[in-house]
Structures are given as C-alpha cells and as structure tokens.
Amino acid sequence: MSYVERHLNPGERVVHRTTVHPVIFLSSVLPALLMALAVFGWAWVRYKTSEFAVTSSRVIIKVGILSRRTLELQLSKLEAIAVHQSLLARLWDYGTLVVGGTGGTKEAFNYIKAPLAFRRAVQHQSQSEVVATPTPMFEGNTRQERECPYCAEWILVKATRCRFCGQTVEPLAE
C-alpha cells in the first residue's frame, strides 16, 4: 500500500496519479555517455594513427598525430625485441613490444596487435640478411659471414655463438 492510499480520508478516492519523469536519469547517464564517447574517440585516433612495420632493412614505428613518437631502427642495429603479455593479452593476441637498439635505446609500445608475429617477422628479416663476404684466409679461400642479430658484428654463417657478445645464435645454412 502506498503512502497516498494509507492517508486517504474515509470515502476519498484517487482520481489521478503521476511520478517523477525518467529524464532525471539523464543527469547520471549523460556524463557517462559523453565520457565513454571521449575515451572511444581517443582510442580511435590512437588506432588510426599508429603504424608498425618491418621492412627489408629497418623497423619503422610511428604512434600519435598531435604528439608524435617515432622509431626507425636498422635491423643491423637491433639488439632485442621483447614481448610482454598478460593472460588476457595472450587470449586476445595483443601485448607490449619493447624494442632495444645497440646504442642502449629501449622503447616500449603498448597494446600492439599480434606482437609475436611482429617479432618473428623482425627475426626472419634479420636472419635473411646473410651476406657472402669474401674474406681470403688463404689464396682462393673465402668465408661466408653474417651480422650477429645481437651486437651487429660479423660472424660465420655456421656459428652457434657470437665470438664478440657471447650470445647463442641460430646457425644458418650456407
């Protein structure tokens, strides 16, 4: 029983009822919607203005439009690419990419789509940079060399460990 019904006089009846209009909910929903649109708009701009690429000789990364951040790194100067992924990131295939150069450069890029595929592309491209350089040790003898993917020094194609930085490397077929 409502308050009005409890307080009716004997013989009195209700002729019309009304309540507060639902527009009152707009005062709480409208700011939330505007905030959601602003966050979505910021994410959309970030999505459309970010580029990550592996070329035949470089890694090129650009994020932002008003405040721009870029990284262009020669594959020969690339020291490491680390990928950080939480459980949710692994399920949805995104993560943080940390690119390290030989000069001590370390740049982190968050929310990268398929970061393991990007790292594999960099590794594949780095390993395909095998160059046959004639290094005569004896008359008519040449050596097949390549750059170490960690320190960029020249090592033998067949090497399993870099003699300069000591890192284990994959041997490549001649």
N, C-alpha and C. Protein backbone atom coordinates (compact mmCIF):
# COMPACT_ATOMS: atom_id res chain seq x y z
N MET A 1 0.84 -1.16 0.00
CA MET A 1 0.00 0.00 0.00
C MET A 1 0.90 1.24 0.00
N SER A 2 0.54 2.21 -0.84
CA SER A 2 1.36 3.41 -0.97
C SER A 2 1.03 4.41 0.14
N TYR A 3 1.83 5.42 0.24
CA TYR A 3 1.65 6.47 1.24
C TYR A 3 0.31 7.16 1.05
N VAL A 4 -0.02 7.46 -0.23
CA VAL A 4 -1.28 8.16 -0.52
C VAL A 4 -2.46 7.31 -0.09
N GLU A 5 -2.43 6.03 -0.43
CA GLU A 5 -3.55 5.15 -0.09
C GLU A 5 -3.69 5.00 1.43
N ARG A 6 -2.60 4.98 2.15
CA ARG A 6 -2.66 4.87 3.61
C ARG A 6 -3.24 6.11 4.27
N HIS A 7 -3.14 7.24 3.61
CA HIS A 7 -3.57 8.50 4.22
C HIS A 7 -4.83 9.10 3.58
N LEU A 8 -5.64 8.30 2.91
CA LEU A 8 -6.91 8.79 2.36
C LEU A 8 -7.93 8.90 3.49
N ASN A 9 -8.76 9.92 3.42
CA ASN A 9 -9.86 10.08 4.37
C ASN A 9 -10.98 9.11 4.00
N PRO A 10 -11.87 8.80 4.92
CA PRO A 10 -12.98 7.90 4.60
C PRO A 10 -13.81 8.45 3.45
N GLY A 11 -14.06 7.60 2.43
CA GLY A 11 -14.84 7.97 1.26
C GLY A 11 -14.03 8.68 0.18
N GLU A 12 -12.78 8.98 0.44
CA GLU A 12 -11.92 9.67 -0.54
C GLU A 12 -11.32 8.64 -1.49
N ARG A 13 -11.17 9.03 -2.78
CA ARG A 13 -10.55 8.13 -3.75
C ARG A 13 -9.56 8.89 -4.62
N VAL A 14 -8.61 8.18 -5.18
CA VAL A 14 -7.57 8.77 -6.04
C VAL A 14 -8.14 8.90 -7.45
N VAL A 15 -8.04 10.09 -8.02
CA VAL A 15 -8.55 10.37 -9.36
C VAL A 15 -7.42 10.30 -10.39
N HIS A 16 -6.24 10.72 -10.01
CA HIS A 16 -5.11 10.73 -10.96
C HIS A 16 -3.81 10.52 -10.20
N ARG A 17 -2.87 9.82 -10.78
CA ARG A 17 -1.55 9.60 -10.19
C ARG A 17 -0.49 9.96 -11.22
N THR A 18 0.66 10.37 -10.74
CA THR A 18 1.84 10.59 -11.60
C THR A 18 3.09 10.40 -10.76
N THR A 19 4.23 10.47 -11.40
CA THR A 19 5.51 10.32 -10.69
C THR A 19 6.55 11.22 -11.36
N VAL A 20 7.75 11.17 -10.90
CA VAL A 20 8.82 11.97 -11.48
C VAL A 20 9.16 11.38 -12.86
N HIS A 21 9.45 12.25 -13.81
CA HIS A 21 9.77 11.82 -15.18
C HIS A 21 11.13 11.11 -15.22
N PRO A 22 11.28 10.08 -16.05
CA PRO A 22 12.55 9.35 -16.15
C PRO A 22 13.72 10.20 -16.67
N VAL A 23 13.45 11.43 -17.10
CA VAL A 23 14.52 12.30 -17.56
C VAL A 23 15.55 12.55 -16.45
N ILE A 24 15.16 12.31 -15.21
CA ILE A 24 16.10 12.51 -14.11
C ILE A 24 17.33 11.61 -14.23
N PHE A 25 17.16 10.47 -14.91
CA PHE A 25 18.29 9.56 -15.07
C PHE A 25 19.35 10.11 -16.03
N LEU A 26 18.96 11.05 -16.88
CA LEU A 26 19.92 11.65 -17.80
C LEU A 26 21.04 12.38 -17.07
N SER A 27 20.74 12.89 -15.92
CA SER A 27 21.77 13.62 -15.19
C SER A 27 22.92 12.71 -14.78
N SER A 28 22.68 11.41 -14.68
CA SER A 28 23.77 10.48 -14.37
C SER A 28 24.26 9.75 -15.61
N VAL A 29 23.40 9.48 -16.57
CA VAL A 29 23.77 8.73 -17.76
C VAL A 29 24.48 9.61 -18.79
N LEU A 30 24.04 10.84 -18.96
CA LEU A 30 24.61 11.72 -19.98
C LEU A 30 26.11 11.96 -19.78
N PRO A 31 26.56 12.32 -18.58
CA PRO A 31 28.02 12.48 -18.42
C PRO A 31 28.79 11.18 -18.68
N ALA A 32 28.20 10.05 -18.28
CA ALA A 32 28.86 8.76 -18.53
C ALA A 32 28.97 8.49 -20.03
N LEU A 33 27.91 8.79 -20.78
CA LEU A 33 27.93 8.61 -22.23
C LEU A 33 28.95 9.53 -22.90
N LEU A 34 28.96 10.79 -22.46
CA LEU A 34 29.94 11.73 -23.03
C LEU A 34 31.37 11.28 -22.73
N MET A 35 31.61 10.80 -21.51
CA MET A 35 32.93 10.31 -21.15
C MET A 35 33.31 9.09 -21.99
N ALA A 36 32.35 8.19 -22.17
CA ALA A 36 32.61 7.00 -22.98
C ALA A 36 32.92 7.37 -24.43
N LEU A 37 32.21 8.34 -24.98
CA LEU A 37 32.48 8.80 -26.35
C LEU A 37 33.85 9.44 -26.45
N ALA A 38 34.25 10.20 -25.45
CA ALA A 38 35.57 10.84 -25.47
C ALA A 38 36.67 9.79 -25.41
N VAL A 39 36.52 8.80 -24.54
CA VAL A 39 37.52 7.73 -24.44
C VAL A 39 37.57 6.92 -25.72
N PHE A 40 36.41 6.61 -26.27
CA PHE A 40 36.36 5.88 -27.54
C PHE A 40 37.01 6.68 -28.66
N GLY A 41 36.73 7.98 -28.72
CA GLY A 41 37.33 8.83 -29.75
C GLY A 41 38.84 8.88 -29.64
N TRP A 42 39.35 8.99 -28.42
CA TRP A 42 40.80 9.00 -28.21
C TRP A 42 41.41 7.68 -28.67
N ALA A 43 40.76 6.55 -28.32
CA ALA A 43 41.26 5.24 -28.72
C ALA A 43 41.22 5.08 -30.24
N TRP A 44 40.17 5.60 -30.88
CA TRP A 44 40.05 5.50 -32.34
C TRP A 44 41.17 6.29 -33.03
N VAL A 45 41.44 7.49 -32.55
CA VAL A 45 42.54 8.29 -33.13
C VAL A 45 43.87 7.57 -32.94
N ARG A 46 44.09 7.03 -31.76
CA ARG A 46 45.34 6.28 -31.49
C ARG A 46 45.45 5.08 -32.43
N TYR A 47 44.34 4.36 -32.63
CA TYR A 47 44.31 3.19 -33.50
C TYR A 47 44.64 3.57 -34.95
N LYS A 48 44.04 4.66 -35.42
CA LYS A 48 44.22 5.06 -36.83
C LYS A 48 45.57 5.73 -37.11
N THR A 49 46.24 6.23 -36.07
CA THR A 49 47.49 6.96 -36.31
C THR A 49 48.73 6.19 -35.88
N SER A 50 48.59 4.91 -35.57
CA SER A 50 49.74 4.09 -35.18
C SER A 50 50.13 3.16 -36.32
N GLU A 51 51.42 3.10 -36.60
CA GLU A 51 51.93 2.24 -37.66
C GLU A 51 53.16 1.49 -37.17
N PHE A 52 53.21 0.20 -37.46
CA PHE A 52 54.33 -0.65 -37.09
C PHE A 52 54.69 -1.48 -38.31
N ALA A 53 55.95 -1.40 -38.76
CA ALA A 53 56.33 -2.12 -39.97
C ALA A 53 57.75 -2.66 -39.87
N VAL A 54 57.94 -3.79 -40.54
CA VAL A 54 59.27 -4.37 -40.71
C VAL A 54 59.54 -4.31 -42.20
N THR A 55 60.60 -3.63 -42.58
CA THR A 55 60.98 -3.56 -43.99
C THR A 55 62.14 -4.53 -44.22
N SER A 56 62.68 -4.51 -45.42
CA SER A 56 63.81 -5.39 -45.72
C SER A 56 65.07 -4.98 -44.96
N SER A 57 65.12 -3.74 -44.44
CA SER A 57 66.33 -3.32 -43.74
C SER A 57 66.09 -2.58 -42.43
N ARG A 58 64.81 -2.24 -42.11
CA ARG A 58 64.55 -1.44 -40.90
C ARG A 58 63.28 -1.88 -40.20
N VAL A 59 63.16 -1.43 -38.95
CA VAL A 59 61.91 -1.47 -38.20
C VAL A 59 61.46 -0.01 -38.11
N ILE A 60 60.23 0.25 -38.55
CA ILE A 60 59.70 1.61 -38.54
C ILE A 60 58.42 1.61 -37.69
N ILE A 61 58.40 2.48 -36.68
CA ILE A 61 57.24 2.58 -35.79
C ILE A 61 56.87 4.05 -35.63
N LYS A 62 55.56 4.34 -35.76
CA LYS A 62 55.07 5.71 -35.56
C LYS A 62 53.76 5.63 -34.81
N VAL A 63 53.65 6.37 -33.72
CA VAL A 63 52.39 6.46 -32.97
C VAL A 63 52.06 7.92 -32.72
N GLY A 64 50.78 8.24 -32.73
CA GLY A 64 50.33 9.59 -32.42
C GLY A 64 50.19 10.48 -33.63
N ILE A 65 49.44 11.58 -33.43
CA ILE A 65 49.26 12.56 -34.50
C ILE A 65 49.61 13.95 -34.00
N LEU A 66 49.05 14.38 -32.87
CA LEU A 66 49.40 15.68 -32.32
C LEU A 66 50.74 15.58 -31.59
N SER A 67 50.86 14.59 -30.76
CA SER A 67 52.11 14.29 -30.09
C SER A 67 52.64 13.01 -30.72
N ARG A 68 53.59 13.14 -31.61
CA ARG A 68 54.08 12.02 -32.40
C ARG A 68 55.32 11.41 -31.78
N ARG A 69 55.40 10.09 -31.83
CA ARG A 69 56.58 9.36 -31.36
C ARG A 69 56.99 8.38 -32.45
N THR A 70 58.23 8.45 -32.91
CA THR A 70 58.68 7.58 -33.98
C THR A 70 59.96 6.85 -33.58
N LEU A 71 60.15 5.70 -34.22
CA LEU A 71 61.37 4.92 -34.04
C LEU A 71 61.69 4.29 -35.38
N GLU A 72 62.87 4.56 -35.89
CA GLU A 72 63.35 3.91 -37.11
C GLU A 72 64.70 3.32 -36.77
N LEU A 73 64.80 2.01 -36.85
CA LEU A 73 66.00 1.31 -36.41
C LEU A 73 66.44 0.33 -37.48
N GLN A 74 67.69 0.45 -37.91
CA GLN A 74 68.26 -0.50 -38.86
C GLN A 74 68.27 -1.89 -38.24
N LEU A 75 67.94 -2.91 -39.02
CA LEU A 75 67.95 -4.27 -38.48
C LEU A 75 69.32 -4.65 -37.95
N SER A 76 70.36 -4.12 -38.56
CA SER A 76 71.71 -4.44 -38.10
C SER A 76 72.01 -3.80 -36.75
N LYS A 77 71.25 -2.79 -36.35
CA LYS A 77 71.45 -2.11 -35.06
C LYS A 77 70.42 -2.55 -34.02
N LEU A 78 69.59 -3.50 -34.38
CA LEU A 78 68.57 -4.00 -33.47
C LEU A 78 69.19 -5.05 -32.55
N GLU A 79 69.07 -4.82 -31.27
CA GLU A 79 69.66 -5.73 -30.30
C GLU A 79 68.65 -6.77 -29.81
N ALA A 80 67.43 -6.35 -29.50
CA ALA A 80 66.43 -7.28 -28.98
C ALA A 80 65.03 -6.72 -29.15
N ILE A 81 64.07 -7.63 -29.24
CA ILE A 81 62.66 -7.27 -29.21
C ILE A 81 62.03 -8.15 -28.15
N ALA A 82 61.50 -7.54 -27.11
CA ALA A 82 60.83 -8.28 -26.04
C ALA A 82 59.33 -8.08 -26.17
N VAL A 83 58.59 -9.11 -25.79
CA VAL A 83 57.13 -9.05 -25.82
C VAL A 83 56.63 -9.36 -24.41
N HIS A 84 55.79 -8.49 -23.88
CA HIS A 84 55.16 -8.70 -22.57
C HIS A 84 53.66 -8.87 -22.80
N GLN A 85 53.09 -9.99 -22.28
CA GLN A 85 51.67 -10.26 -22.43
C GLN A 85 51.09 -10.81 -21.14
N SER A 86 49.99 -10.25 -20.71
CA SER A 86 49.24 -10.82 -19.59
C SER A 86 48.40 -11.98 -20.13
N LEU A 87 47.69 -12.66 -19.24
CA LEU A 87 46.83 -13.76 -19.68
C LEU A 87 45.76 -13.25 -20.65
N LEU A 88 45.12 -12.13 -20.30
CA LEU A 88 44.10 -11.55 -21.18
C LEU A 88 44.71 -11.14 -22.52
N ALA A 89 45.91 -10.57 -22.48
CA ALA A 89 46.58 -10.15 -23.71
C ALA A 89 46.91 -11.36 -24.59
N ARG A 90 47.30 -12.47 -23.97
CA ARG A 90 47.57 -13.68 -24.75
C ARG A 90 46.29 -14.21 -25.39
N LEU A 91 45.18 -14.16 -24.66
CA LEU A 91 43.91 -14.64 -25.20
C LEU A 91 43.44 -13.77 -26.36
N TRP A 92 43.63 -12.47 -26.26
CA TRP A 92 43.17 -11.55 -27.30
C TRP A 92 44.27 -11.17 -28.28
N ASP A 93 45.46 -11.72 -28.13
CA ASP A 93 46.60 -11.52 -29.04
C ASP A 93 47.02 -10.05 -29.18
N TYR A 94 47.36 -9.46 -28.05
CA TYR A 94 47.97 -8.14 -28.04
C TYR A 94 49.02 -8.13 -26.95
N GLY A 95 49.85 -7.09 -26.92
CA GLY A 95 50.87 -7.02 -25.87
C GLY A 95 51.71 -5.78 -25.99
N THR A 96 52.73 -5.72 -25.14
CA THR A 96 53.68 -4.61 -25.16
C THR A 96 54.94 -5.08 -25.87
N LEU A 97 55.39 -4.28 -26.80
CA LEU A 97 56.59 -4.56 -27.57
C LEU A 97 57.69 -3.64 -27.07
N VAL A 98 58.83 -4.19 -26.66
CA VAL A 98 59.97 -3.39 -26.22
C VAL A 98 61.09 -3.61 -27.23
N VAL A 99 61.45 -2.54 -27.93
CA VAL A 99 62.47 -2.61 -28.98
C VAL A 99 63.76 -2.04 -28.42
N GLY A 100 64.83 -2.82 -28.50
CA GLY A 100 66.14 -2.39 -27.99
C GLY A 100 67.16 -2.29 -29.10
N GLY A 101 67.85 -1.16 -29.17
CA GLY A 101 68.90 -0.95 -30.15
C GLY A 101 70.27 -1.10 -29.54
N THR A 102 71.30 -1.18 -30.37
CA THR A 102 72.66 -1.39 -29.88
C THR A 102 73.19 -0.20 -29.10
N GLY A 103 72.66 0.97 -29.31
CA GLY A 103 73.13 2.16 -28.60
C GLY A 103 72.48 2.34 -27.24
N GLY A 104 71.74 1.35 -26.77
CA GLY A 104 71.08 1.46 -25.47
C GLY A 104 69.65 1.95 -25.58
N THR A 105 69.16 2.17 -26.79
CA THR A 105 67.79 2.61 -26.99
C THR A 105 66.84 1.50 -26.59
N LYS A 106 65.88 1.81 -25.75
CA LYS A 106 64.83 0.86 -25.39
C LYS A 106 63.51 1.61 -25.42
N GLU A 107 62.64 1.24 -26.34
CA GLU A 107 61.34 1.89 -26.49
C GLU A 107 60.24 0.86 -26.30
N ALA A 108 59.25 1.18 -25.48
CA ALA A 108 58.11 0.29 -25.24
C ALA A 108 56.88 0.83 -25.96
N PHE A 109 56.15 -0.06 -26.60
CA PHE A 109 54.92 0.29 -27.30
C PHE A 109 53.82 -0.64 -26.80
N ASN A 110 52.75 -0.07 -26.25
CA ASN A 110 51.68 -0.84 -25.61
C ASN A 110 50.56 -1.17 -26.58
N TYR A 111 49.83 -2.23 -26.27
CA TYR A 111 48.63 -2.66 -26.98
C TYR A 111 48.88 -2.93 -28.46
N ILE A 112 49.96 -3.64 -28.75
CA ILE A 112 50.31 -3.97 -30.14
C ILE A 112 49.58 -5.24 -30.55
N LYS A 113 48.94 -5.20 -31.69
CA LYS A 113 48.22 -6.37 -32.22
C LYS A 113 49.24 -7.40 -32.71
N ALA A 114 49.08 -8.66 -32.34
CA ALA A 114 49.92 -9.78 -32.75
C ALA A 114 51.41 -9.48 -32.56
N PRO A 115 51.85 -9.20 -31.34
CA PRO A 115 53.25 -8.83 -31.13
C PRO A 115 54.25 -9.95 -31.43
N LEU A 116 53.84 -11.20 -31.22
CA LEU A 116 54.75 -12.31 -31.51
C LEU A 116 54.99 -12.45 -33.01
N ALA A 117 53.96 -12.20 -33.81
CA ALA A 117 54.12 -12.23 -35.27
C ALA A 117 55.06 -11.12 -35.73
N PHE A 118 54.95 -9.94 -35.10
CA PHE A 118 55.85 -8.82 -35.44
C PHE A 118 57.30 -9.21 -35.10
N ARG A 119 57.49 -9.79 -33.91
CA ARG A 119 58.85 -10.20 -33.51
C ARG A 119 59.40 -11.26 -34.46
N ARG A 120 58.56 -12.24 -34.85
CA ARG A 120 59.00 -13.27 -35.79
C ARG A 120 59.41 -12.65 -37.13
N ALA A 121 58.65 -11.66 -37.59
CA ALA A 121 58.99 -11.00 -38.87
C ALA A 121 60.34 -10.31 -38.77
N VAL A 122 60.59 -9.66 -37.64
CA VAL A 122 61.89 -9.00 -37.44
C VAL A 122 63.01 -10.04 -37.42
N GLN A 123 62.80 -11.12 -36.68
CA GLN A 123 63.83 -12.16 -36.60
C GLN A 123 64.08 -12.80 -37.95
N HIS A 124 63.01 -13.07 -38.69
CA HIS A 124 63.15 -13.66 -40.02
C HIS A 124 63.92 -12.73 -40.95
N GLN A 125 63.56 -11.46 -40.90
CA GLN A 125 64.22 -10.49 -41.78
C GLN A 125 65.68 -10.32 -41.38
N SER A 126 65.98 -10.33 -40.08
CA SER A 126 67.36 -10.20 -39.61
C SER A 126 68.20 -11.39 -40.06
N GLN A 127 67.63 -12.58 -40.00
CA GLN A 127 68.37 -13.77 -40.39
C GLN A 127 68.54 -13.89 -41.89
N SER A 128 67.64 -13.26 -42.65
CA SER A 128 67.77 -13.34 -44.11
C SER A 128 68.79 -12.36 -44.65
N GLU A 129 69.40 -11.56 -43.75
CA GLU A 129 70.43 -10.62 -44.17
C GLU A 129 71.81 -11.27 -44.25
N VAL A 130 71.86 -12.55 -44.56
CA VAL A 130 73.14 -13.24 -44.68
C VAL A 130 73.82 -12.75 -45.95
N VAL A 131 75.03 -12.32 -45.81
CA VAL A 131 75.78 -11.77 -46.93
C VAL A 131 77.05 -12.59 -47.10
N ALA A 132 77.32 -13.01 -48.31
CA ALA A 132 78.56 -13.72 -48.58
C ALA A 132 79.66 -12.69 -48.78
N THR A 133 80.56 -12.61 -47.85
CA THR A 133 81.66 -11.67 -47.96
C THR A 133 82.96 -12.45 -48.11
N PRO A 134 83.63 -12.26 -49.20
CA PRO A 134 84.88 -12.98 -49.38
C PRO A 134 85.93 -12.45 -48.41
N THR A 135 86.39 -13.30 -47.53
CA THR A 135 87.45 -12.96 -46.60
C THR A 135 88.57 -13.97 -46.82
N PRO A 136 89.51 -13.64 -47.69
CA PRO A 136 90.55 -14.62 -48.00
C PRO A 136 91.46 -14.87 -46.80
N MET A 137 91.41 -16.11 -46.32
CA MET A 137 92.35 -16.50 -45.28
C MET A 137 93.60 -17.06 -45.95
N PHE A 138 93.36 -17.79 -47.00
CA PHE A 138 94.43 -18.33 -47.82
C PHE A 138 94.07 -18.01 -49.25
N GLU A 139 94.94 -18.12 -50.13
CA GLU A 139 94.68 -17.81 -51.53
C GLU A 139 93.51 -18.65 -52.05
N GLY A 140 92.47 -18.01 -52.53
CA GLY A 140 91.32 -18.70 -53.10
C GLY A 140 90.30 -19.18 -52.08
N ASN A 141 90.54 -19.01 -50.80
CA ASN A 141 89.61 -19.46 -49.77
C ASN A 141 88.74 -18.28 -49.32
N THR A 142 87.42 -18.46 -49.28
CA THR A 142 86.52 -17.39 -48.81
C THR A 142 85.64 -17.93 -47.68
N ARG A 143 85.12 -17.01 -46.85
CA ARG A 143 84.27 -17.37 -45.71
C ARG A 143 82.89 -16.76 -45.91
N GLN A 144 81.87 -17.48 -45.49
CA GLN A 144 80.50 -16.96 -45.53
C GLN A 144 80.21 -16.35 -44.15
N GLU A 145 79.89 -15.05 -44.14
CA GLU A 145 79.65 -14.37 -42.88
C GLU A 145 78.28 -13.69 -42.88
N ARG A 146 77.83 -13.34 -41.69
CA ARG A 146 76.57 -12.62 -41.47
C ARG A 146 76.73 -11.75 -40.24
N GLU A 147 75.80 -10.83 -40.04
CA GLU A 147 75.83 -9.99 -38.84
C GLU A 147 75.19 -10.73 -37.69
N CYS A 148 75.77 -10.60 -36.50
CA CYS A 148 75.16 -11.14 -35.28
C CYS A 148 73.89 -10.32 -35.02
N PRO A 149 72.73 -10.99 -34.77
CA PRO A 149 71.50 -10.24 -34.51
C PRO A 149 71.51 -9.49 -33.19
N TYR A 150 72.50 -9.75 -32.32
CA TYR A 150 72.55 -9.09 -31.01
C TYR A 150 73.51 -7.91 -30.98
N CYS A 151 74.69 -8.07 -31.59
CA CYS A 151 75.68 -6.99 -31.48
C CYS A 151 76.09 -6.41 -32.83
N ALA A 152 75.60 -6.98 -33.93
CA ALA A 152 75.86 -6.48 -35.29
C ALA A 152 77.30 -6.67 -35.74
N GLU A 153 78.08 -7.47 -35.05
CA GLU A 153 79.43 -7.80 -35.50
C GLU A 153 79.33 -8.95 -36.51
N TRP A 154 80.34 -9.07 -37.38
CA TRP A 154 80.34 -10.11 -38.40
C TRP A 154 80.82 -11.42 -37.81
N ILE A 155 80.00 -12.48 -38.02
CA ILE A 155 80.34 -13.82 -37.53
C ILE A 155 80.13 -14.81 -38.67
N LEU A 156 80.62 -16.03 -38.53
CA LEU A 156 80.44 -17.04 -39.55
C LEU A 156 78.97 -17.45 -39.66
N VAL A 157 78.55 -17.80 -40.85
CA VAL A 157 77.18 -18.24 -41.08
C VAL A 157 76.89 -19.48 -40.23
N LYS A 158 77.86 -20.38 -40.09
CA LYS A 158 77.68 -21.63 -39.35
C LYS A 158 77.78 -21.44 -37.83
N ALA A 159 78.15 -20.25 -37.36
CA ALA A 159 78.38 -20.03 -35.93
C ALA A 159 77.12 -20.27 -35.11
N THR A 160 77.29 -20.87 -33.92
CA THR A 160 76.18 -21.06 -32.99
C THR A 160 76.28 -20.12 -31.80
N ARG A 161 77.43 -19.45 -31.67
CA ARG A 161 77.65 -18.48 -30.59
C ARG A 161 78.48 -17.34 -31.17
N CYS A 162 78.07 -16.09 -30.87
CA CYS A 162 78.82 -14.93 -31.34
C CYS A 162 80.10 -14.81 -30.53
N ARG A 163 81.22 -14.66 -31.22
CA ARG A 163 82.51 -14.56 -30.51
C ARG A 163 82.72 -13.18 -29.90
N PHE A 164 81.88 -12.22 -30.24
CA PHE A 164 82.01 -10.86 -29.70
C PHE A 164 81.15 -10.66 -28.44
N CYS A 165 79.86 -11.00 -28.55
CA CYS A 165 78.95 -10.75 -27.41
C CYS A 165 78.63 -12.01 -26.62
N GLY A 166 78.97 -13.18 -27.16
CA GLY A 166 78.76 -14.43 -26.45
C GLY A 166 77.34 -14.96 -26.51
N GLN A 167 76.44 -14.30 -27.26
CA GLN A 167 75.04 -14.74 -27.36
C GLN A 167 74.95 -15.99 -28.26
N THR A 168 74.02 -16.87 -27.93
CA THR A 168 73.74 -18.04 -28.75
C THR A 168 72.91 -17.58 -29.94
N VAL A 169 73.33 -18.01 -31.13
CA VAL A 169 72.64 -17.62 -32.37
C VAL A 169 72.30 -18.89 -33.14
N GLU A 170 71.29 -18.79 -33.99
CA GLU A 170 70.92 -19.93 -34.83
C GLU A 170 71.90 -20.04 -36.00
N PRO A 171 72.47 -21.22 -36.21
CA PRO A 171 73.34 -21.37 -37.39
C PRO A 171 72.49 -21.35 -38.65
N LEU A 172 73.01 -20.77 -39.70
CA LEU A 172 72.30 -20.72 -40.97
C LEU A 172 73.02 -21.57 -41.99
N ALA A 173 72.27 -22.14 -42.91
CA ALA A 173 72.88 -22.93 -43.97
C ALA A 173 73.58 -22.02 -44.95
N GLU A 174 74.68 -22.50 -45.49
CA GLU A 174 75.43 -21.67 -46.44
C GLU A 174 74.70 -21.56 -47.75
